[in-house]
Amino acid sequence: MAEIPESILRRSAEARAKAEGRSVEEVLAEMKGEAPPAPSEPAAPPPAAEPEQAPAAAEAPAAPAPSPAAAAAGPTRDLEAEATQYGVPQDLLRRAAVARAKWDGTPVPQFAGEAAAPAPVAAAVASGGGAPAPAAAPAIPEGVRTQRLLTVVKAGAIQQVKTEPTDKVSTWPHLVAAEFVALMVITAGVLIFSVFVDAPLLEFANFNEQPNPSKAPWYFLGLQELLSYFDPQVAGVIIPGFGLGGLALIPYIDRNPSVRPSDRKLAIMVFSFFLFASAILTIYGSFFRGPGFNFTYPWIDGLFFDF
C-alpha cells in the first residue's frame, strides 16, 4: 500500500465504503492494515416469542428512536489533517464533502473540532434541500498574492468566428481584369467605327467668311450658352468656378462613409444638379441655336451643329 498514492487509496476507500455502507475511515484503516477486517457473520434470526411471554413483551418499554441529528450525521473527518496532507484549504474540503454527501444521498460527515449541525439543517442537507453556509474564509496573510480560477470555454461559445460577407473586392485580379476587358471592348468599337465612318478635317479657316452660327466644340457649348445670358466675367469665371468648387466640396460636406445611394442623398442631389444643368445648357446650345445664335427648332429649321 505504500506505493499507492494517498489520493487513489482514499478514492477506493470511499467507493468501497459506499458499497458496503461503512465509514470511509474504517475502510481506509482496513486497507492500510491498521485494523482487522470487519467480521461478516450472518445475523441470526430472532427467536420466536412464546405465547405465554407475549403480554410481558408487550408491556416492555420501546427502545428510544435515534434523533434526526444522529441519523443525518455521517463519519467524522479531520479537516486540519486533510488540509495538511493534500494542501487544500479546509473550507474547500468542507464544501466538497457536503456537496458529495448531497449528490450521493449519504449523511453529511461530521468535522473534528466543530459542533454537529442542527437537526433542521442536517435534515435539509440529507434531503437535498441545500448545504449549510460554509465557515468564513481564513484571513489572507500580508504579502500573499491570490489568484482566481476562470472557467475555460470553447472559443465558439463567446465569439463569432464565421466570416461576414463584405462589399470589398481585391484590386487584382478582380478590378484590373474588369477594366482591361472594358478597355479592349472600347478600343475595338472605336476601330470599327473609324473604318466605316469618315471624319475628314475641315478646310482652313477664312477670316473673311465665318460660319453662321459660329459654335464652339460641344464640350464648350454650355459656356457659350451662358455667354448669351450673362456678362463674360460671370458666365466664364464665376459660374463655372462655383460649379467646380461645389463638386470639390461634396466629400467634405457629406462625410457619410456608406456606399448605398439611399444613404448619400445630399451628395447625389448636388452632383445631379450640376450634371443636369451642364447637360441642358449643352443640348440647348447644340440643337436649339441657329443663325446669329438665335433660338430655333431643330425639327423645323434643321440642325446647325457638326458632329
C-alpha atoms as a PDB file:
ATOM      1  CA  MET A   1       0.000   0.000   0.000  1.00  0.00           C
ATOM      2  CA  ALA A   2       2.987   2.319   0.458  1.00  0.00           C
ATOM      3  CA  GLU A   3       3.453   2.576  -3.318  1.00  0.00           C
ATOM      4  CA  ILE A   4      -0.171   3.606  -3.989  1.00  0.00           C
ATOM      5  CA  PRO A   5      -0.799   7.374  -3.875  1.00  0.00           C
ATOM      6  CA  GLU A   6      -2.881   8.548  -0.967  1.00  0.00           C
ATOM      7  CA  SER A   7      -5.478  10.199  -3.260  1.00  0.00           C
ATOM      8  CA  ILE A   8      -6.152   6.975  -5.200  1.00  0.00           C
ATOM      9  CA  LEU A   9      -6.256   4.961  -1.976  1.00  0.00           C
ATOM     10  CA  ARG A  10      -8.810   7.316  -0.462  1.00  0.00           C
ATOM     11  CA  ARG A  11     -10.998   7.256  -3.562  1.00  0.00           C
ATOM     12  CA  SER A  12     -11.004   3.475  -3.488  1.00  0.00           C
ATOM     13  CA  ALA A  13     -11.888   3.514   0.211  1.00  0.00           C
ATOM     14  CA  GLU A  14     -14.765   5.921  -0.415  1.00  0.00           C
ATOM     15  CA  ALA A  15     -16.178   3.731  -3.198  1.00  0.00           C
ATOM     16  CA  ARG A  16     -15.902   0.599  -1.056  1.00  0.00           C
ATOM     17  CA  ALA A  17     -17.416   2.318   1.969  1.00  0.00           C
ATOM     18  CA  LYS A  18     -20.348   3.483  -0.090  1.00  0.00           C
ATOM     19  CA  ALA A  19     -20.946  -0.016  -1.456  1.00  0.00           C
ATOM     20  CA  GLU A  20     -20.717  -1.735   1.957  1.00  0.00           C
ATOM     21  CA  GLY A  21     -22.421   1.005   3.980  1.00  0.00           C
ATOM     22  CA  ARG A  22     -19.435   1.569   6.230  1.00  0.00           C
ATOM     23  CA  SER A  23     -17.390   4.614   7.169  1.00  0.00           C
ATOM     24  CA  VAL A  24     -14.527   5.759   4.956  1.00  0.00           C
ATOM     25  CA  GLU A  25     -12.039   5.903   7.832  1.00  0.00           C
ATOM     26  CA  GLU A  26     -12.779   2.330   8.805  1.00  0.00           C
ATOM     27  CA  VAL A  27     -12.322   1.031   5.268  1.00  0.00           C
ATOM     28  CA  LEU A  28      -9.171   3.133   4.824  1.00  0.00           C
ATOM     29  CA  ALA A  29      -7.670   1.766   8.033  1.00  0.00           C
ATOM     30  CA  GLU A  30      -8.510  -1.764   6.923  1.00  0.00           C
ATOM     31  CA  MET A  31      -6.861  -1.225   3.505  1.00  0.00           C
ATOM     32  CA  LYS A  32      -3.730   0.148   5.197  1.00  0.00           C
ATOM     33  CA  GLY A  33      -3.576  -2.839   7.560  1.00  0.00           C
ATOM     34  CA  GLU A  34      -4.090  -0.760  10.668  1.00  0.00           C
ATOM     35  CA  ALA A  35      -7.322  -2.500  11.781  1.00  0.00           C
ATOM     36  CA  PRO A  36      -8.603  -6.059  11.467  1.00  0.00           C
ATOM     37  CA  PRO A  37     -11.236  -6.686   8.778  1.00  0.00           C
ATOM     38  CA  ALA A  38     -14.791  -6.342   9.907  1.00  0.00           C
ATOM     39  CA  PRO A  39     -16.476  -9.686  10.589  1.00  0.00           C
ATOM     40  CA  SER A  40     -19.093 -10.634   8.105  1.00  0.00           C
ATOM     41  CA  GLU A  41     -21.199 -13.038  10.185  1.00  0.00           C
ATOM     42  CA  PRO A  42     -24.779 -13.520   9.084  1.00  0.00           C
ATOM     43  CA  ALA A  43     -27.260 -12.136  11.512  1.00  0.00           C
ATOM     44  CA  ALA A  44     -29.145 -14.841  13.414  1.00  0.00           C
ATOM     45  CA  PRO A  45     -32.919 -14.770  13.095  1.00  0.00           C
ATOM     46  CA  PRO A  46     -34.692 -13.523  16.211  1.00  0.00           C
ATOM     47  CA  PRO A  47     -36.226 -16.304  18.349  1.00  0.00           C
ATOM     48  CA  ALA A  48     -39.912 -16.770  18.177  1.00  0.00           C
ATOM     49  CA  ALA A  49     -41.736 -15.394  21.191  1.00  0.00           C
ATOM     50  CA  GLU A  50     -43.568 -17.865  23.442  1.00  0.00           C
ATOM     51  CA  PRO A  51     -47.310 -17.431  23.668  1.00  0.00           C
ATOM     52  CA  GLU A  52     -47.218 -17.017  27.424  1.00  0.00           C
ATOM     53  CA  GLN A  53     -44.481 -14.363  27.183  1.00  0.00           C
ATOM     54  CA  ALA A  54     -46.367 -12.153  24.710  1.00  0.00           C
ATOM     55  CA  PRO A  55     -48.035  -9.946  27.324  1.00  0.00           C
ATOM     56  CA  ALA A  56     -44.693  -9.361  29.042  1.00  0.00           C
ATOM     57  CA  ALA A  57     -43.083  -8.396  25.777  1.00  0.00           C
ATOM     58  CA  ALA A  58     -45.927  -6.064  25.001  1.00  0.00           C
ATOM     59  CA  GLU A  59     -45.513  -4.399  28.370  1.00  0.00           C
ATOM     60  CA  ALA A  60     -41.733  -3.791  27.821  1.00  0.00           C
ATOM     61  CA  PRO A  61     -40.899  -0.163  27.006  1.00  0.00           C
ATOM     62  CA  ALA A  62     -39.931   0.538  23.415  1.00  0.00           C
ATOM     63  CA  ALA A  63     -36.318   1.463  22.589  1.00  0.00           C
ATOM     64  CA  PRO A  64     -35.787   5.180  22.050  1.00  0.00           C
ATOM     65  CA  ALA A  65     -35.649   6.185  18.363  1.00  0.00           C
ATOM     66  CA  PRO A  66     -32.445   7.816  17.137  1.00  0.00           C
ATOM     67  CA  SER A  67     -32.570  11.573  16.898  1.00  0.00           C
ATOM     68  CA  PRO A  68     -32.734  13.190  13.435  1.00  0.00           C
ATOM     69  CA  ALA A  69     -29.338  14.829  14.021  1.00  0.00           C
ATOM     70  CA  ALA A  70     -27.699  11.468  14.767  1.00  0.00           C
ATOM     71  CA  ALA A  71     -29.386   9.885  11.752  1.00  0.00           C
ATOM     72  CA  ALA A  72     -28.292  12.692   9.441  1.00  0.00           C
ATOM     73  CA  ALA A  73     -24.716  12.877  10.722  1.00  0.00           C
ATOM     74  CA  GLY A  74     -22.039  10.811   8.979  1.00  0.00           C
ATOM     75  CA  PRO A  75     -18.467   9.809   9.853  1.00  0.00           C
ATOM     76  CA  THR A  76     -16.103  12.277  11.473  1.00  0.00           C
ATOM     77  CA  ARG A  77     -13.381  13.848   9.344  1.00  0.00           C
ATOM     78  CA  ASP A  78     -10.343  15.796  10.469  1.00  0.00           C
ATOM     79  CA  LEU A  79     -10.190  18.719   8.055  1.00  0.00           C
ATOM     80  CA  GLU A  80      -6.992  20.103   9.533  1.00  0.00           C
ATOM     81  CA  ALA A  81      -5.097  16.863   8.922  1.00  0.00           C
ATOM     82  CA  GLU A  82      -6.514  16.501   5.397  1.00  0.00           C
ATOM     83  CA  ALA A  83      -5.632  20.108   4.559  1.00  0.00           C
ATOM     84  CA  THR A  84      -2.049  19.496   5.685  1.00  0.00           C
ATOM     85  CA  GLN A  85      -1.836  16.225   3.767  1.00  0.00           C
ATOM     86  CA  TYR A  86      -3.371  17.335   0.436  1.00  0.00           C
ATOM     87  CA  GLY A  87      -2.508  21.042   0.531  1.00  0.00           C
ATOM     88  CA  VAL A  88      -6.166  22.057   0.062  1.00  0.00           C
ATOM     89  CA  PRO A  89      -7.844  24.739   2.233  1.00  0.00           C
ATOM     90  CA  GLN A  90     -10.233  23.470   4.877  1.00  0.00           C
ATOM     91  CA  ASP A  91     -13.212  25.442   3.558  1.00  0.00           C
ATOM     92  CA  LEU A  92     -12.861  23.792   0.143  1.00  0.00           C
ATOM     93  CA  LEU A  93     -12.652  20.340   1.742  1.00  0.00           C
ATOM     94  CA  ARG A  94     -15.766  21.098   3.800  1.00  0.00           C
ATOM     95  CA  ARG A  95     -17.714  22.287   0.761  1.00  0.00           C
ATOM     96  CA  ALA A  96     -16.628  19.263  -1.267  1.00  0.00           C
ATOM     97  CA  ALA A  97     -17.712  16.862   1.495  1.00  0.00           C
ATOM     98  CA  VAL A  98     -21.134  18.490   1.817  1.00  0.00           C
ATOM     99  CA  ALA A  99     -21.647  18.546  -1.962  1.00  0.00           C
ATOM    100  CA  ARG A 100     -20.641  14.876  -2.285  1.00  0.00           C
ATOM    101  CA  ALA A 101     -22.994  13.877   0.506  1.00  0.00           C
ATOM    102  CA  LYS A 102     -25.810  15.759  -1.155  1.00  0.00           C
ATOM    103  CA  TRP A 103     -25.059  14.161  -4.535  1.00  0.00           C
ATOM    104  CA  ASP A 104     -24.716  10.614  -3.200  1.00  0.00           C
ATOM    105  CA  GLY A 105     -27.629  10.911  -0.788  1.00  0.00           C
ATOM    106  CA  THR A 106     -25.429   9.876   2.167  1.00  0.00           C
ATOM    107  CA  PRO A 107     -25.282  11.500   5.629  1.00  0.00           C
ATOM    108  CA  VAL A 108     -23.234  14.682   5.902  1.00  0.00           C
ATOM    109  CA  PRO A 109     -19.927  13.857   7.662  1.00  0.00           C
ATOM    110  CA  GLN A 110     -19.001  15.488  10.942  1.00  0.00           C
ATOM    111  CA  PHE A 111     -15.842  17.548  11.138  1.00  0.00           C
ATOM    112  CA  ALA A 112     -13.423  17.281  14.041  1.00  0.00           C
ATOM    113  CA  GLY A 113     -13.340  20.359  16.249  1.00  0.00           C
ATOM    114  CA  GLU A 114     -16.746  21.593  15.054  1.00  0.00           C
ATOM    115  CA  ALA A 115     -20.172  21.152  16.591  1.00  0.00           C
ATOM    116  CA  ALA A 116     -22.649  18.944  14.773  1.00  0.00           C
ATOM    117  CA  ALA A 117     -25.084  20.698  12.508  1.00  0.00           C
ATOM    118  CA  PRO A 118     -28.517  21.372  13.961  1.00  0.00           C
ATOM    119  CA  ALA A 119     -31.195  18.840  13.184  1.00  0.00           C
ATOM    120  CA  PRO A 120     -33.174  21.002  10.733  1.00  0.00           C
ATOM    121  CA  VAL A 121     -30.043  21.910   8.783  1.00  0.00           C
ATOM    122  CA  ALA A 122     -28.750  18.335   8.712  1.00  0.00           C
ATOM    123  CA  ALA A 123     -32.127  17.014   7.654  1.00  0.00           C
ATOM    124  CA  ALA A 124     -32.363  19.623   4.897  1.00  0.00           C
ATOM    125  CA  VAL A 125     -28.902  18.671   3.586  1.00  0.00           C
ATOM    126  CA  ALA A 126     -29.673  14.946   3.711  1.00  0.00           C
ATOM    127  CA  SER A 127     -32.902  15.501   1.776  1.00  0.00           C
ATOM    128  CA  GLY A 128     -31.236  17.657  -0.883  1.00  0.00           C
ATOM    129  CA  GLY A 129     -32.598  20.992   0.393  1.00  0.00           C
ATOM    130  CA  GLY A 130     -29.208  22.713   0.305  1.00  0.00           C
ATOM    131  CA  ALA A 131     -25.853  22.801   2.071  1.00  0.00           C
ATOM    132  CA  PRO A 132     -25.227  24.834   5.222  1.00  0.00           C
ATOM    133  CA  ALA A 133     -23.375  28.091   4.846  1.00  0.00           C
ATOM    134  CA  PRO A 134     -19.601  27.447   4.915  1.00  0.00           C
ATOM    135  CA  ALA A 135     -17.444  28.994   7.596  1.00  0.00           C
ATOM    136  CA  ALA A 136     -15.758  32.306   6.950  1.00  0.00           C
ATOM    137  CA  ALA A 137     -12.651  32.063   4.781  1.00  0.00           C
ATOM    138  CA  PRO A 138      -9.363  32.416   6.675  1.00  0.00           C
ATOM    139  CA  ALA A 139      -7.621  35.766   6.544  1.00  0.00           C
ATOM    140  CA  ILE A 140      -5.003  36.108   3.793  1.00  0.00           C
ATOM    141  CA  PRO A 141      -1.526  36.817   5.195  1.00  0.00           C
ATOM    142  CA  GLU A 142       0.117  40.056   4.160  1.00  0.00           C
ATOM    143  CA  GLY A 143       2.264  39.765   1.065  1.00  0.00           C
ATOM    144  CA  VAL A 144       0.462  36.656  -0.274  1.00  0.00           C
ATOM    145  CA  ARG A 145      -0.945  37.043  -3.769  1.00  0.00           C
ATOM    146  CA  THR A 146      -4.194  35.262  -4.539  1.00  0.00           C
ATOM    147  CA  GLN A 147      -5.488  34.162  -7.919  1.00  0.00           C
ATOM    148  CA  ARG A 148      -8.942  33.455  -9.233  1.00  0.00           C
ATOM    149  CA  LEU A 149      -9.739  30.403 -11.338  1.00  0.00           C
ATOM    150  CA  LEU A 150     -11.507  31.180 -14.594  1.00  0.00           C
ATOM    151  CA  THR A 151     -13.714  28.792 -16.491  1.00  0.00           C
ATOM    152  CA  VAL A 152     -12.175  27.620 -19.777  1.00  0.00           C
ATOM    153  CA  VAL A 153     -14.754  27.521 -22.577  1.00  0.00           C
ATOM    154  CA  LYS A 154     -14.582  26.967 -26.301  1.00  0.00           C
ATOM    155  CA  ALA A 155     -13.948  29.988 -28.488  1.00  0.00           C
ATOM    156  CA  GLY A 156     -17.115  29.457 -30.487  1.00  0.00           C
ATOM    157  CA  ALA A 157     -19.283  29.995 -27.401  1.00  0.00           C
ATOM    158  CA  ILE A 158     -18.072  33.543 -26.692  1.00  0.00           C
ATOM    159  CA  GLN A 159     -17.185  34.975 -30.072  1.00  0.00           C
ATOM    160  CA  GLN A 160     -18.411  34.832 -33.628  1.00  0.00           C
ATOM    161  CA  VAL A 161     -15.870  33.079 -35.832  1.00  0.00           C
ATOM    162  CA  LYS A 162     -17.963  32.981 -39.002  1.00  0.00           C
ATOM    163  CA  THR A 163     -16.729  35.372 -41.669  1.00  0.00           C
ATOM    164  CA  GLU A 164     -19.216  38.059 -42.667  1.00  0.00           C
ATOM    165  CA  PRO A 165     -19.696  38.975 -46.350  1.00  0.00           C
ATOM    166  CA  THR A 166     -18.285  42.367 -47.289  1.00  0.00           C
ATOM    167  CA  ASP A 167     -18.671  44.721 -50.233  1.00  0.00           C
ATOM    168  CA  LYS A 168     -14.917  44.889 -50.865  1.00  0.00           C
ATOM    169  CA  VAL A 169     -13.009  43.060 -53.589  1.00  0.00           C
ATOM    170  CA  SER A 170      -9.327  42.867 -54.312  1.00  0.00           C
ATOM    171  CA  THR A 171      -7.856  45.234 -56.909  1.00  0.00           C
ATOM    172  CA  TRP A 172      -6.014  42.350 -58.523  1.00  0.00           C
ATOM    173  CA  PRO A 173      -7.337  40.400 -60.286  1.00  0.00           C
ATOM    174  CA  HIS A 174     -10.982  41.467 -59.928  1.00  0.00           C
ATOM    175  CA  LEU A 175     -10.873  45.209 -60.698  1.00  0.00           C
ATOM    176  CA  VAL A 176      -7.894  45.156 -63.079  1.00  0.00           C
ATOM    177  CA  ALA A 177      -9.359  42.293 -65.098  1.00  0.00           C
ATOM    178  CA  ALA A 178     -12.722  44.066 -65.470  1.00  0.00           C
ATOM    179  CA  GLU A 179     -11.068  47.352 -66.501  1.00  0.00           C
ATOM    180  CA  PHE A 180      -8.822  45.589 -69.024  1.00  0.00           C
ATOM    181  CA  VAL A 181     -11.807  43.872 -70.643  1.00  0.00           C
ATOM    182  CA  ALA A 182     -13.666  47.219 -70.828  1.00  0.00           C
ATOM    183  CA  LEU A 183     -10.598  48.870 -72.413  1.00  0.00           C
ATOM    184  CA  MET A 184     -10.365  46.178 -75.093  1.00  0.00           C
ATOM    185  CA  VAL A 185     -14.077  46.443 -75.917  1.00  0.00           C
ATOM    186  CA  ILE A 186     -13.955  50.247 -76.271  1.00  0.00           C
ATOM    187  CA  THR A 187     -10.784  50.103 -78.377  1.00  0.00           C
ATOM    188  CA  ALA A 188     -12.351  47.548 -80.729  1.00  0.00           C
ATOM    189  CA  GLY A 189     -15.520  49.686 -81.027  1.00  0.00           C
ATOM    190  CA  VAL A 190     -13.536  52.822 -81.903  1.00  0.00           C
ATOM    191  CA  LEU A 191     -11.518  50.952 -84.554  1.00  0.00           C
ATOM    192  CA  ILE A 192     -14.643  49.505 -86.176  1.00  0.00           C
ATOM    193  CA  PHE A 193     -16.371  52.916 -86.106  1.00  0.00           C
ATOM    194  CA  SER A 194     -13.364  54.618 -87.723  1.00  0.00           C
ATOM    195  CA  VAL A 195     -13.330  52.068 -90.557  1.00  0.00           C
ATOM    196  CA  PHE A 196     -16.930  52.683 -91.633  1.00  0.00           C
ATOM    197  CA  VAL A 197     -17.335  56.395 -90.763  1.00  0.00           C
ATOM    198  CA  ASP A 198     -15.150  59.005 -92.444  1.00  0.00           C
ATOM    199  CA  ALA A 199     -14.126  62.011 -90.335  1.00  0.00           C
ATOM    200  CA  PRO A 200     -12.123  64.351 -92.586  1.00  0.00           C
ATOM    201  CA  LEU A 201     -10.605  67.633 -91.449  1.00  0.00           C
ATOM    202  CA  LEU A 202     -12.354  70.821 -92.495  1.00  0.00           C
ATOM    203  CA  GLU A 203     -10.792  73.429 -94.733  1.00  0.00           C
ATOM    204  CA  PHE A 204      -8.536  76.154 -93.423  1.00  0.00           C
ATOM    205  CA  ALA A 205     -10.227  78.945 -91.569  1.00  0.00           C
ATOM    206  CA  ASN A 206     -11.129  82.022 -93.652  1.00  0.00           C
ATOM    207  CA  PHE A 207     -11.282  85.263 -91.692  1.00  0.00           C
ATOM    208  CA  ASN A 208     -13.422  86.897 -94.398  1.00  0.00           C
ATOM    209  CA  GLU A 209     -16.020  84.104 -94.375  1.00  0.00           C
ATOM    210  CA  GLN A 210     -17.140  82.966 -90.955  1.00  0.00           C
ATOM    211  CA  PRO A 211     -19.796  80.267 -90.499  1.00  0.00           C
ATOM    212  CA  ASN A 212     -23.171  81.325 -89.169  1.00  0.00           C
ATOM    213  CA  PRO A 213     -23.709  80.380 -86.415  1.00  0.00           C
ATOM    214  CA  SER A 214     -20.179  80.097 -85.136  1.00  0.00           C
ATOM    215  CA  LYS A 215     -20.324  77.451 -82.400  1.00  0.00           C
ATOM    216  CA  ALA A 216     -17.629  76.135 -80.057  1.00  0.00           C
ATOM    217  CA  PRO A 217     -16.938  72.431 -79.694  1.00  0.00           C
ATOM    218  CA  TRP A 218     -19.711  70.520 -77.962  1.00  0.00           C
ATOM    219  CA  TYR A 219     -17.871  70.398 -74.630  1.00  0.00           C
ATOM    220  CA  PHE A 220     -17.769  74.233 -74.551  1.00  0.00           C
ATOM    221  CA  LEU A 221     -21.299  74.850 -75.816  1.00  0.00           C
ATOM    222  CA  GLY A 222     -22.600  75.063 -72.253  1.00  0.00           C
ATOM    223  CA  LEU A 223     -20.311  78.028 -71.532  1.00  0.00           C
ATOM    224  CA  GLN A 224     -21.200  79.609 -74.877  1.00  0.00           C
ATOM    225  CA  GLU A 225     -24.865  79.287 -73.946  1.00  0.00           C
ATOM    226  CA  LEU A 226     -24.191  81.066 -70.631  1.00  0.00           C
ATOM    227  CA  LEU A 227     -22.462  83.901 -72.526  1.00  0.00           C
ATOM    228  CA  SER A 228     -25.747  84.650 -74.279  1.00  0.00           C
ATOM    229  CA  TYR A 229     -27.354  85.399 -70.878  1.00  0.00           C
ATOM    230  CA  PHE A 230     -24.636  86.866 -68.613  1.00  0.00           C
ATOM    231  CA  ASP A 231     -21.561  89.023 -68.703  1.00  0.00           C
ATOM    232  CA  PRO A 232     -18.377  87.187 -69.801  1.00  0.00           C
ATOM    233  CA  GLN A 233     -16.890  87.597 -66.308  1.00  0.00           C
ATOM    234  CA  VAL A 234     -19.949  85.975 -64.748  1.00  0.00           C
ATOM    235  CA  ALA A 235     -20.562  83.326 -67.412  1.00  0.00           C
ATOM    236  CA  GLY A 236     -16.927  82.357 -67.919  1.00  0.00           C
ATOM    237  CA  VAL A 237     -15.393  82.682 -64.442  1.00  0.00           C
ATOM    238  CA  ILE A 238     -17.845  82.992 -61.561  1.00  0.00           C
ATOM    239  CA  ILE A 239     -20.488  80.410 -62.502  1.00  0.00           C
ATOM    240  CA  PRO A 240     -18.001  77.710 -63.637  1.00  0.00           C
ATOM    241  CA  GLY A 241     -15.883  78.434 -60.549  1.00  0.00           C
ATOM    242  CA  PHE A 242     -18.847  77.942 -58.247  1.00  0.00           C
ATOM    243  CA  GLY A 243     -19.719  74.729 -60.075  1.00  0.00           C
ATOM    244  CA  LEU A 244     -16.259  73.207 -59.803  1.00  0.00           C
ATOM    245  CA  GLY A 245     -15.932  74.355 -56.181  1.00  0.00           C
ATOM    246  CA  GLY A 246     -19.273  72.787 -55.288  1.00  0.00           C
ATOM    247  CA  LEU A 247     -18.243  69.473 -56.820  1.00  0.00           C
ATOM    248  CA  ALA A 248     -14.940  69.575 -54.923  1.00  0.00           C
ATOM    249  CA  LEU A 249     -16.704  70.293 -51.599  1.00  0.00           C
ATOM    250  CA  ILE A 250     -19.110  67.344 -51.824  1.00  0.00           C
ATOM    251  CA  PRO A 251     -16.773  64.880 -49.994  1.00  0.00           C
ATOM    252  CA  TYR A 252     -16.276  67.419 -47.185  1.00  0.00           C
ATOM    253  CA  ILE A 253     -19.953  68.324 -46.812  1.00  0.00           C
ATOM    254  CA  ASP A 254     -21.313  64.789 -46.941  1.00  0.00           C
ATOM    255  CA  ARG A 255     -18.893  62.654 -44.878  1.00  0.00           C
ATOM    256  CA  ASN A 256     -21.132  59.583 -44.771  1.00  0.00           C
ATOM    257  CA  PRO A 257     -18.915  56.507 -45.406  1.00  0.00           C
ATOM    258  CA  SER A 258     -21.810  54.460 -46.774  1.00  0.00           C
ATOM    259  CA  VAL A 259     -21.812  53.484 -50.452  1.00  0.00           C
ATOM    260  CA  ARG A 260     -25.571  52.982 -50.690  1.00  0.00           C
ATOM    261  CA  PRO A 261     -27.398  55.617 -52.779  1.00  0.00           C
ATOM    262  CA  SER A 262     -30.190  55.776 -50.168  1.00  0.00           C
ATOM    263  CA  ASP A 263     -27.649  56.960 -47.564  1.00  0.00           C
ATOM    264  CA  ARG A 264     -25.985  59.599 -49.783  1.00  0.00           C
ATOM    265  CA  LYS A 265     -28.951  61.743 -50.729  1.00  0.00           C
ATOM    266  CA  LEU A 266     -27.183  65.092 -50.280  1.00  0.00           C
ATOM    267  CA  ALA A 267     -24.174  64.157 -52.406  1.00  0.00           C
ATOM    268  CA  ILE A 268     -26.369  62.675 -55.131  1.00  0.00           C
ATOM    269  CA  MET A 269     -28.613  65.769 -55.145  1.00  0.00           C
ATOM    270  CA  VAL A 270     -25.704  68.227 -55.509  1.00  0.00           C
ATOM    271  CA  PHE A 271     -23.975  66.193 -58.224  1.00  0.00           C
ATOM    272  CA  SER A 272     -27.247  65.670 -60.112  1.00  0.00           C
ATOM    273  CA  PHE A 273     -27.938  69.421 -60.075  1.00  0.00           C
ATOM    274  CA  PHE A 274     -24.598  70.303 -61.735  1.00  0.00           C
ATOM    275  CA  LEU A 275     -24.818  67.356 -64.126  1.00  0.00           C
ATOM    276  CA  PHE A 276     -28.302  68.180 -65.389  1.00  0.00           C
ATOM    277  CA  ALA A 277     -27.526  71.929 -65.577  1.00  0.00           C
ATOM    278  CA  SER A 278     -24.482  71.356 -67.787  1.00  0.00           C
ATOM    279  CA  ALA A 279     -26.335  68.791 -69.908  1.00  0.00           C
ATOM    280  CA  ILE A 280     -29.296  71.134 -70.505  1.00  0.00           C
ATOM    281  CA  LEU A 281     -27.040  74.034 -71.477  1.00  0.00           C
ATOM    282  CA  THR A 282     -25.020  71.832 -73.852  1.00  0.00           C
ATOM    283  CA  ILE A 283     -28.099  70.314 -75.542  1.00  0.00           C
ATOM    284  CA  TYR A 284     -29.779  73.721 -75.805  1.00  0.00           C
ATOM    285  CA  GLY A 285     -26.726  75.322 -77.438  1.00  0.00           C
ATOM    286  CA  SER A 286     -26.161  72.388 -79.798  1.00  0.00           C
ATOM    287  CA  PHE A 287     -29.611  71.798 -81.248  1.00  0.00           C
ATOM    288  CA  PHE A 288     -31.712  74.895 -80.472  1.00  0.00           C
ATOM    289  CA  ARG A 289     -29.370  77.648 -81.711  1.00  0.00           C
ATOM    290  CA  GLY A 290     -29.428  78.653 -85.386  1.00  0.00           C
ATOM    291  CA  PRO A 291     -28.028  81.572 -87.469  1.00  0.00           C
ATOM    292  CA  GLY A 292     -26.976  84.501 -85.302  1.00  0.00           C
ATOM    293  CA  PHE A 293     -27.094  82.108 -82.346  1.00  0.00           C
ATOM    294  CA  ASN A 294     -30.833  82.676 -82.211  1.00  0.00           C
ATOM    295  CA  PHE A 295     -33.378  80.215 -80.890  1.00  0.00           C
ATOM    296  CA  THR A 296     -34.661  77.719 -83.484  1.00  0.00           C
ATOM    297  CA  TYR A 297     -36.489  74.414 -83.633  1.00  0.00           C
ATOM    298  CA  PRO A 298     -34.297  71.604 -85.000  1.00  0.00           C
ATOM    299  CA  TRP A 299     -37.274  69.657 -86.391  1.00  0.00           C
ATOM    300  CA  ILE A 300     -38.329  72.711 -88.429  1.00  0.00           C
ATOM    301  CA  ASP A 301     -35.189  74.663 -89.395  1.00  0.00           C
ATOM    302  CA  GLY A 302     -32.726  71.744 -89.264  1.00  0.00           C
ATOM    303  CA  LEU A 303     -29.547  71.226 -87.258  1.00  0.00           C
ATOM    304  CA  PHE A 304     -26.818  73.837 -87.164  1.00  0.00           C
ATOM    305  CA  PHE A 305     -24.256  71.627 -85.484  1.00  0.00           C
ATOM    306  CA  ASP A 306     -21.477  69.470 -86.923  1.00  0.00           C
ATOM    307  CA  PHE A 307     -20.936  66.173 -85.135  1.00  0.00           C
END
